[in-house]
Protein backbone atom coordinates (compact mmCIF):
# COMPACT_ATOMS: atom_id res chain seq x y z
CA MET A 1 -119.85 -64.06 20.80
CA ASP A 2 -116.27 -62.39 20.40
CA GLU A 3 -114.16 -62.45 23.51
CA ALA A 4 -114.45 -58.54 24.09
CA THR A 5 -118.16 -59.21 24.69
CA ARG A 6 -117.41 -62.60 26.63
CA TRP A 7 -115.48 -60.82 29.22
CA PHE A 8 -117.77 -57.95 29.75
CA GLU A 9 -120.60 -60.44 30.62
CA GLU A 10 -118.36 -61.93 32.67
CA GLY A 11 -117.75 -58.89 34.55
CA VAL A 12 -121.27 -58.10 34.98
CA ALA A 13 -122.05 -61.41 36.32
CA LEU A 14 -119.05 -61.11 38.74
CA TYR A 15 -120.38 -57.79 39.64
CA LYS A 16 -123.66 -58.67 40.33
CA LYS A 17 -122.65 -61.47 42.77
CA GLY A 18 -120.57 -58.74 44.59
CA ASP A 19 -117.18 -59.78 43.52
CA TYR A 20 -115.81 -56.33 42.59
CA ARG A 21 -112.38 -57.09 42.26
CA ARG A 22 -112.84 -59.91 39.81
CA ALA A 23 -115.14 -58.13 37.73
CA ILE A 24 -112.48 -55.36 37.09
CA THR A 25 -110.16 -57.96 35.97
CA ALA A 26 -112.80 -59.21 33.80
CA PHE A 27 -113.77 -55.26 32.45
CA ASP A 28 -109.78 -55.35 31.91
CA LYS A 29 -109.55 -57.99 29.45
CA SER A 30 -112.65 -56.91 27.69
CA ILE A 31 -110.90 -53.31 27.43
CA ALA A 32 -107.58 -55.18 26.01
CA ILE A 33 -109.36 -56.28 23.25
CA ASP A 34 -111.43 -53.59 22.34
CA PRO A 35 -111.13 -50.16 24.35
CA THR A 36 -113.77 -48.63 22.58
CA ILE A 37 -116.84 -49.86 24.36
CA ALA A 38 -118.34 -47.10 26.63
CA GLU A 39 -120.23 -49.21 29.09
CA VAL A 40 -117.29 -51.41 29.57
CA TRP A 41 -115.52 -48.40 31.08
CA ASN A 42 -118.24 -47.39 32.86
CA ASN A 43 -118.96 -50.66 34.58
CA ARG A 44 -115.26 -51.05 35.37
CA GLY A 45 -115.69 -47.47 37.02
CA LEU A 46 -118.41 -48.55 39.18
CA SER A 47 -116.67 -51.59 40.27
CA PHE A 48 -114.17 -49.48 41.46
CA ILE A 49 -116.43 -47.52 43.66
CA GLN A 50 -117.18 -50.98 45.21
CA THR A 51 -113.63 -51.40 46.57
CA ASP A 52 -113.41 -47.66 47.32
CA GLN A 53 -110.98 -46.67 44.53
CA TYR A 54 -112.59 -43.34 43.53
CA GLU A 55 -109.78 -41.72 41.38
CA GLU A 56 -109.59 -45.16 39.57
CA ALA A 57 -113.45 -45.11 39.36
CA LEU A 58 -113.33 -41.56 38.17
CA GLN A 59 -110.87 -42.26 35.36
CA SER A 60 -112.39 -44.84 34.10
CA ILE A 61 -115.87 -43.08 34.16
CA ASN A 62 -114.27 -40.28 32.30
CA GLN A 63 -113.19 -42.81 29.42
CA ALA A 64 -117.18 -43.49 29.13
CA LEU A 65 -117.96 -40.12 28.92
CA SER A 66 -115.05 -39.48 26.14
CA LEU A 67 -116.50 -42.25 23.75
CA SER A 68 -120.15 -41.51 24.62
CA PRO A 69 -120.67 -38.08 25.73
CA HIS A 70 -124.16 -38.28 26.13
CA TYR A 71 -124.07 -41.54 28.08
CA GLU A 72 -126.46 -40.53 30.84
CA ASN A 73 -125.53 -43.50 33.07
CA ALA A 74 -122.04 -42.62 33.01
CA LYS A 75 -122.87 -38.75 33.78
CA LYS A 76 -124.69 -39.88 37.03
CA ALA A 77 -121.79 -42.18 37.70
CA ARG A 78 -119.53 -39.51 37.59
CA LYS A 79 -121.68 -37.06 39.77
CA ILE A 80 -121.58 -39.94 42.44
CA VAL A 81 -118.07 -40.52 42.42
CA LEU A 82 -117.21 -36.86 42.68
CA ASP A 83 -119.42 -36.19 45.58
CA LEU A 84 -117.62 -39.43 47.13
CA LEU A 85 -114.21 -37.88 46.49
CA ASN A 86 -115.52 -34.48 47.83
CA ASN A 87 -116.74 -36.43 51.06
CA GLN A 88 -113.55 -37.87 51.27
CA LYS A 89 -111.34 -34.98 50.99
CA ASN A 90 -113.18 -33.17 53.56
CA ALA A 91 -113.78 -35.69 56.09
CA PRO A 92 -111.80 -34.57 59.54
CA GLY A 93 -109.18 -36.13 60.52
CA PRO A 94 -105.48 -35.64 62.08
CA ALA A 95 -102.93 -34.11 59.74
CA GLY A 96 -100.75 -36.32 58.32
CA THR A 97 -103.41 -39.61 59.18
CA PRO A 98 -105.12 -41.56 56.40
CA LEU A 99 -108.50 -39.74 55.47
CA PRO A 100 -111.89 -41.83 56.36
CA LYS A 101 -113.16 -43.69 53.67
CA VAL A 102 -116.82 -43.27 53.05
CA PRO A 103 -118.98 -46.16 53.97
CA VAL A 104 -119.05 -48.94 51.21
CA ALA A 105 -122.65 -48.91 51.81
CA THR A 106 -123.33 -45.07 50.25
CA ALA A 107 -121.45 -46.25 47.34
CA ARG A 108 -123.21 -49.58 46.90
CA LYS A 109 -126.54 -47.65 47.12
CA HIS A 110 -125.63 -45.30 44.63
CA SER A 111 -123.78 -47.74 41.70
CA ARG A 112 -127.10 -49.65 41.26
CA ILE A 113 -127.39 -47.84 38.32
CA VAL A 114 -125.29 -50.80 36.63
CA VAL A 115 -128.76 -52.84 36.47
CA ALA A 116 -130.40 -53.11 32.99
CA ALA A 117 -128.39 -50.87 30.88
CA VAL A 118 -124.89 -52.60 31.26
CA ILE A 119 -126.24 -55.62 29.62
CA VAL A 120 -126.50 -53.86 26.32
CA ILE A 121 -123.24 -54.02 24.25
CA VAL A 122 -122.87 -50.84 21.99
CA VAL A 123 -119.97 -52.03 19.54
CA MET A 124 -118.69 -48.27 18.07
CA GLY A 125 -117.50 -48.61 14.58
CA VAL A 126 -115.47 -45.65 14.89
CA ALA A 127 -112.50 -45.89 17.57
CA ALA A 128 -111.77 -42.45 17.52
CA ALA A 129 -115.10 -40.76 17.95
CA GLY A 130 -114.00 -39.17 21.18
CA LEU A 131 -111.07 -39.74 23.24
CA VAL A 132 -110.01 -43.50 23.36
CA ALA A 133 -108.17 -44.85 26.05
CA MET A 134 -105.82 -46.56 23.77
CA LYS A 135 -104.62 -50.02 25.68
CA SER A 136 -101.54 -50.51 24.31
CA LEU A 137 -100.53 -51.60 27.54
CA GLN A 138 -102.58 -54.99 27.26
CA ASP A 139 -99.72 -57.11 28.72
CA ASN A 140 -100.70 -55.62 31.88
CA ALA A 141 -104.30 -56.83 31.43
CA GLY A 142 -106.17 -58.73 34.14
CA THR A 143 -104.50 -56.36 36.89
CA THR A 144 -106.26 -53.69 38.57
CA LEU A 145 -104.66 -50.27 39.26
CA PRO A 146 -102.83 -49.26 42.43
CA ALA A 147 -104.43 -47.26 45.03
CA SER A 148 -104.87 -43.90 44.77
CA PRO A 149 -101.94 -41.67 44.79
CA ALA A 150 -103.62 -39.40 47.01
CA ALA A 151 -103.56 -41.84 49.73
CA VAL A 152 -99.53 -42.51 49.33
CA PRO A 153 -97.20 -40.02 50.99
CA VAL A 154 -95.60 -37.73 48.68
CA ALA A 155 -91.78 -38.78 48.42
CA THR A 156 -89.35 -36.18 49.03
CA GLN A 157 -86.49 -35.27 46.70
CA PRO A 158 -83.16 -35.60 47.82
CA PRO A 159 -81.27 -32.36 48.27
CA ALA A 160 -78.33 -33.00 46.25
CA SER A 161 -77.90 -30.53 43.30
CA GLY A 162 -74.94 -29.10 41.04
CA PRO A 163 -71.86 -30.83 39.84
CA GLY A 164 -71.79 -34.26 41.42
CA GLY A 165 -75.24 -34.35 41.93
CA ILE A 166 -75.58 -37.66 39.74
CA PRO A 167 -72.91 -40.27 40.59
CA VAL A 168 -70.73 -42.00 38.31
CA GLY A 169 -72.04 -45.19 37.56
CA ARG A 170 -75.64 -46.48 38.49
CA GLY A 171 -77.76 -44.17 40.53
CA GLN A 172 -81.52 -43.03 41.30
CA PHE A 173 -83.38 -40.38 42.50
CA VAL A 174 -86.98 -39.14 43.03
CA PHE A 175 -87.82 -36.17 41.25
CA ASN A 176 -90.92 -34.01 42.37
CA ASP A 177 -92.38 -31.92 39.33
CA SER A 178 -92.99 -28.52 41.15
CA LEU A 179 -93.95 -27.10 37.85
CA GLY A 180 -96.25 -29.57 36.74
CA ASN A 181 -97.47 -32.68 39.02
CA ALA A 182 -96.08 -32.24 42.60
CA ASP A 183 -97.93 -34.76 43.85
CA ARG A 184 -96.77 -37.69 41.53
CA PRO A 185 -92.98 -38.14 42.04
CA ILE A 186 -91.00 -39.84 39.54
CA THR A 187 -88.38 -42.15 40.12
CA VAL A 188 -85.51 -41.72 37.77
CA TYR A 189 -82.65 -44.17 37.28
CA THR A 190 -79.59 -42.74 35.96
CA TYR A 191 -76.15 -44.01 34.81
CA ARG A 192 -73.23 -41.47 34.49
CA PRO A 193 -69.94 -42.75 32.67
CA ALA A 194 -66.60 -41.82 34.02
CA ALA A 195 -65.85 -40.49 30.83
CA TRP A 196 -68.97 -38.17 30.80
CA ASN A 197 -68.15 -34.40 31.50
CA GLN A 198 -70.46 -31.58 31.76
CA SER A 199 -70.51 -30.75 28.12
CA GLY A 200 -71.28 -34.15 26.80
CA PRO A 201 -74.83 -35.53 25.77
CA ILE A 202 -77.60 -36.15 27.64
CA LEU A 203 -79.91 -39.27 26.58
CA ILE A 204 -83.41 -39.41 28.03
CA VAL A 205 -84.66 -42.76 27.51
CA MET A 206 -88.97 -43.70 28.31
CA PRO A 207 -89.50 -46.93 29.54
CA GLY A 208 -92.36 -49.46 27.94
CA ALA A 209 -95.54 -50.77 28.87
CA GLY A 210 -94.63 -52.26 32.13
CA ARG A 211 -92.96 -48.54 33.27
CA ASP A 212 -90.17 -49.78 35.08
CA GLY A 213 -86.87 -47.69 34.39
CA LEU A 214 -84.36 -50.21 35.65
CA PRO A 215 -84.40 -53.00 32.54
CA PRO A 216 -84.02 -49.87 30.05
CA ARG A 217 -81.29 -48.33 31.97
CA GLU A 218 -79.59 -51.69 32.03
CA THR A 219 -80.04 -52.32 28.10
CA TRP A 220 -78.91 -48.78 27.44
CA ILE A 221 -75.51 -48.79 29.59
CA PRO A 222 -73.07 -50.32 27.47
CA TYR A 223 -74.20 -47.32 24.46
CA ALA A 224 -74.04 -44.68 27.43
CA GLU A 225 -70.54 -45.72 27.97
CA GLN A 226 -69.76 -46.27 24.35
CA TYR A 227 -70.82 -42.60 23.41
CA SER A 228 -70.09 -41.06 26.93
CA ALA A 229 -73.47 -39.97 27.53
CA LEU A 230 -75.58 -39.41 30.86
CA LEU A 231 -78.41 -41.78 30.76
CA VAL A 232 -81.55 -40.54 32.46
CA VAL A 233 -84.60 -43.08 32.66
CA PRO A 234 -87.86 -41.58 34.34
CA GLU A 235 -90.16 -44.03 35.84
CA PHE A 236 -93.78 -42.94 35.53
CA SER A 237 -95.05 -45.62 37.63
CA GLN A 238 -98.90 -47.05 37.31
CA GLN A 239 -99.42 -46.19 41.00
CA TYR A 240 -98.80 -42.24 40.28
CA TYR A 241 -99.58 -42.22 36.47
CA PRO A 242 -102.42 -45.09 35.98
CA GLY A 243 -103.36 -46.21 32.81
CA ASP A 244 -102.70 -45.07 29.27
CA ILE A 245 -104.05 -41.31 29.93
CA TRP A 246 -101.14 -40.53 31.88
CA TYR A 247 -98.35 -42.39 30.15
CA PRO A 248 -98.60 -42.85 26.47
CA LEU A 249 -101.42 -40.54 26.19
CA GLY A 250 -99.56 -37.65 27.79
CA TYR A 251 -102.32 -36.59 30.41
CA THR A 252 -103.05 -34.01 27.72
CA TYR A 253 -107.27 -34.58 28.50
CA ASP A 254 -109.15 -35.38 31.70
CA TYR A 255 -113.15 -35.25 30.82
CA PRO A 256 -114.41 -33.09 30.04
CA ASN A 257 -111.63 -30.56 29.39
CA TRP A 258 -107.99 -30.54 28.02
CA THR A 259 -105.52 -30.15 30.95
CA PRO A 260 -103.10 -27.32 31.41
CA LYS A 261 -99.90 -27.86 29.25
CA ALA A 262 -97.70 -27.48 32.51
CA ASN A 263 -99.75 -30.57 33.83
CA TRP A 264 -99.01 -32.70 30.73
CA THR A 265 -96.81 -35.87 31.47
CA PHE A 266 -94.69 -34.95 28.34
CA MET A 267 -93.74 -31.45 30.33
CA ALA A 268 -92.61 -33.33 33.03
CA VAL A 269 -89.63 -34.78 30.72
CA GLU A 270 -88.90 -30.80 29.77
CA HIS A 271 -88.78 -30.25 33.86
CA LEU A 272 -86.91 -33.38 34.43
CA PHE A 273 -84.45 -32.06 31.88
CA ASP A 274 -83.57 -28.72 34.00
CA ASN A 275 -83.42 -31.07 36.92
CA VAL A 276 -80.78 -33.05 35.52
CA ARG A 277 -79.03 -30.18 34.14
CA GLU A 278 -78.91 -28.63 37.85
CA LYS A 279 -77.92 -31.61 39.58
CA SER A 280 -75.01 -32.79 37.23
CA GLY A 281 -73.43 -29.24 35.84
CA ALA A 282 -74.08 -30.00 32.36
CA THR A 283 -74.05 -27.16 29.49
CA GLN A 284 -75.98 -28.84 27.04
CA THR A 285 -79.24 -26.94 26.08
CA THR A 286 -80.56 -29.90 24.41
CA TYR A 287 -80.78 -33.98 25.04
CA LEU A 288 -81.57 -36.71 22.76
CA LEU A 289 -84.88 -39.05 23.56
CA ASP A 290 -85.58 -42.50 22.94
CA GLY A 291 -88.79 -44.46 23.48
CA HIS A 292 -89.46 -48.42 22.43
CA SER A 293 -93.11 -49.67 22.54
CA ALA A 294 -95.31 -47.59 24.86
CA GLY A 295 -92.14 -45.50 25.33
CA ALA A 296 -92.10 -44.68 21.45
CA GLN A 297 -96.04 -43.90 21.88
CA PHE A 298 -95.16 -41.54 24.42
CA VAL A 299 -92.14 -40.11 22.12
CA HIS A 300 -93.88 -39.53 19.18
CA ARG A 301 -96.83 -37.94 21.01
CA MET A 302 -94.61 -35.84 23.05
CA VAL A 303 -92.44 -34.65 19.51
CA THR A 304 -96.28 -34.05 17.93
CA PHE A 305 -97.81 -32.00 20.81
CA LEU A 306 -94.38 -30.26 22.26
CA PRO A 307 -93.05 -28.67 19.00
CA ASP A 308 -91.12 -26.77 20.92
CA ALA A 309 -89.34 -29.19 23.36
CA ARG A 310 -85.49 -29.32 23.58
CA TYR A 311 -84.81 -32.53 22.33
CA SER A 312 -82.20 -32.52 19.48
CA ARG A 313 -83.35 -36.09 17.84
CA ALA A 314 -85.98 -38.45 18.98
CA ILE A 315 -86.48 -41.82 18.07
CA ALA A 316 -89.57 -43.79 18.42
CA ALA A 317 -89.05 -47.54 18.00
CA ASN A 318 -91.64 -49.99 17.48
CA ALA A 319 -94.56 -48.34 18.56
CA GLY A 320 -98.04 -50.08 18.60
CA LEU A 321 -99.89 -47.16 17.66
CA TYR A 322 -99.70 -43.86 16.37
CA VAL A 323 -101.09 -39.86 16.26
CA MET A 324 -101.48 -39.64 12.57
CA PRO A 325 -100.31 -36.01 11.46
CA VAL A 326 -103.23 -35.41 9.76
CA TYR A 327 -106.65 -33.30 10.70
CA SER A 328 -109.14 -35.58 8.96
CA VAL A 329 -108.90 -37.95 11.89
CA PRO A 330 -110.21 -37.14 15.31
CA TYR A 331 -107.81 -37.23 18.10
CA PRO A 332 -106.23 -39.32 19.85
CA LEU A 333 -105.52 -41.40 16.33
CA GLY A 334 -105.36 -37.99 14.59
CA LEU A 335 -105.07 -34.25 15.08
CA LYS A 336 -108.54 -33.18 14.57
CA ASP A 337 -109.83 -31.32 17.72
CA SER A 338 -106.50 -31.89 19.37
CA PRO A 339 -104.36 -29.54 21.37
CA LEU A 340 -102.16 -28.84 18.25
CA PRO A 341 -102.97 -25.85 15.91
CA GLU A 342 -102.93 -26.57 12.55
CA SER A 343 -100.73 -23.55 12.10
CA ARG A 344 -97.65 -25.70 14.15
CA LEU A 345 -98.01 -28.81 12.24
CA PRO A 346 -95.07 -27.58 9.98
CA ASP A 347 -92.87 -27.18 13.08
CA VAL A 348 -93.64 -30.56 14.09
CA PHE A 349 -92.42 -31.56 10.63
CA ALA A 350 -89.06 -29.46 10.92
CA ARG A 351 -88.04 -31.47 14.00
CA LYS A 352 -85.78 -34.33 13.78
CA LEU A 353 -87.90 -37.35 14.41
CA ILE A 354 -86.60 -40.90 13.65
CA ILE A 355 -89.14 -44.03 13.14
CA MET A 356 -87.55 -47.44 13.97
CA SER A 357 -89.22 -50.52 13.01
CA GLY A 358 -87.63 -54.05 13.80
CA GLY A 359 -88.17 -56.22 10.59
CA SER A 360 -89.53 -59.21 12.33
CA ASP A 361 -92.02 -56.99 14.54
CA THR A 362 -94.52 -58.54 12.20
CA ASN A 363 -97.11 -60.65 14.42
CA PRO A 364 -100.56 -59.58 13.98
CA ASN A 365 -101.69 -61.71 16.75
CA ASP A 366 -99.30 -60.15 19.46
CA THR A 367 -101.55 -59.68 22.43
CA SER A 368 -99.88 -56.65 23.48
CA LEU A 369 -100.83 -55.07 20.35
CA ALA A 370 -104.11 -52.93 20.10
CA ASN A 371 -106.38 -54.63 17.48
CA PHE A 372 -109.57 -52.18 17.91
CA PRO A 373 -110.53 -50.95 14.51
CA GLY A 374 -109.20 -47.62 14.60
CA ALA A 375 -106.11 -49.47 15.39
CA GLU A 376 -106.42 -51.85 12.91
CA ALA A 377 -106.84 -48.67 10.20
CA GLN A 378 -103.08 -48.02 10.54
CA GLY A 379 -102.26 -51.69 9.95
CA SER A 380 -102.44 -55.27 11.45
CA THR A 381 -98.50 -55.13 13.01
CA ARG A 382 -96.40 -52.68 14.28
CA PHE A 383 -94.13 -52.85 11.11
CA GLU A 384 -97.21 -51.83 8.73
CA ARG A 385 -98.32 -49.11 11.37
CA ALA A 386 -94.98 -47.50 11.45
CA LYS A 387 -94.79 -47.52 7.46
CA THR A 388 -98.10 -46.01 7.48
CA TYR A 389 -97.12 -43.04 10.01
CA PHE A 390 -94.31 -42.18 8.16
CA SER A 391 -95.75 -42.39 4.51
CA THR A 392 -98.72 -40.18 5.70
CA ALA A 393 -96.31 -37.70 7.18
CA GLN A 394 -94.61 -37.75 4.14
CA ALA A 395 -97.77 -37.09 2.17
CA GLU A 396 -99.13 -34.49 4.19
CA ALA A 397 -95.78 -32.81 4.22
CA ALA A 398 -95.97 -32.54 0.72
CA GLY A 399 -99.60 -31.36 0.59
CA LEU A 400 -98.50 -28.43 2.85
CA GLY A 401 -95.55 -27.92 0.57
CA VAL A 402 -92.94 -28.17 3.84
CA PRO A 403 -90.29 -29.96 4.52
CA LEU A 404 -90.21 -33.03 6.40
CA ASP A 405 -87.30 -33.42 8.59
CA TRP A 406 -88.25 -37.46 9.89
CA GLU A 407 -86.69 -40.58 9.06
CA TYR A 408 -87.91 -44.21 8.92
CA HIS A 409 -85.41 -47.07 9.13
CA VAL A 410 -85.62 -50.80 9.14
CA VAL A 411 -83.57 -53.23 11.41
CA PRO A 412 -83.80 -56.34 9.86
CA GLY A 413 -83.97 -59.75 12.17
CA ILE A 414 -85.31 -57.79 15.14
CA GLY A 415 -88.59 -58.31 16.67
CA HIS A 416 -90.31 -56.21 19.32
CA ASP A 417 -87.14 -56.25 21.39
CA GLU A 418 -85.70 -53.27 22.99
CA ALA A 419 -82.72 -54.80 23.42
CA GLY A 420 -82.11 -55.63 19.94
CA MET A 421 -83.18 -52.05 18.60
CA ALA A 422 -81.10 -50.16 20.84
CA GLY A 423 -77.63 -50.62 19.68
CA PRO A 424 -79.08 -48.99 16.06
CA SER A 425 -81.40 -46.60 17.79
CA ALA A 426 -77.73 -45.41 19.81
CA GLY A 427 -76.22 -44.95 16.50
CA MET A 428 -78.70 -42.91 14.70
CA LEU A 429 -79.07 -40.69 17.82
CA PHE A 430 -75.07 -40.41 18.41
CA ASN A 431 -73.47 -40.52 14.97
CA ARG A 432 -74.77 -37.32 13.97
CA SER A 433 -73.23 -34.00 13.91
């Protein structure tokens, strides 16, 4: 029995015992090993129903349907959780007070669909048959998602604006994207060198799988000082942006529909750039963009699906999984049936994307590296996958007869280490005309 199956069966056993939180943990561990099994996602969703976490339940069940659109048990489960959410939304209560929960007994009565069908393991050979929840954040495996954002008061954005709104040195503020997902606040960590002026560069750095914005800010402060750049690090917390759907996948899809472009997490970066310009008085019309690991997954997908974004140069360093720039591979591992029209692919190739690899990021057994079949098709290590991604882009651009303004660089002796990659990445970003 493989490890994914073992954890799945343990989750089923825990569910039957009524130990739903530990069942979620077991299903998370199964998904971390192989995220392509619809039954695991569905049972995880049923477990969230039992713990009254209906938003998380819906997201998990949607993943099951994305992998297996005709999965009847998941369709039934989705209807149940939508009813529960609707009941919760319409429940009476004074303004500003938490909504009363639907009785647990109601959820339990409906969720008995977990019985016989959940024992069957269906191992899908093609990971990209539908929307795959790519478990690149496997170092978070074994934990449950936080409570639904709807249950948490929306933070308000500080009123500071205009020149001086971002202080010299370290700072932070909360950004509510009024043009996108206004109910999902983003904590933004900043560093403004004393030498930076309003015509100086703006660098936006995307955090890795842990989502915490503080470590990358501290890592990049020396380079912000060196190049007199305003450093901006948005934190897309698990609380408000749970799972891979909301962060590295950019919330482009929410079963069964594509989401409006304004609500893509990628667009929040564009909206944040305008907010930073307003706060700081910056006159730059473009920004620099960097991401390492899960942040690199976010960056290269943003480059792909927002070809008109206002970054001037973007770096994706040590990503663990890529959306291949070809229409022969289904989304999200390729562009078939994706939001990007084929006519726009030359525009993507014309933008400056720099793919970076640590020369020692070569461990095929790294527990945080996705290892389902679709991922392994790109290579067994991050180093191999980066080479596959760049060579695929070269071949596709040549086949289309269009220029490719991408670059690929290897940093010798560096493994999966943002601090080790930051200096070379900064050189690539800033030492260009």
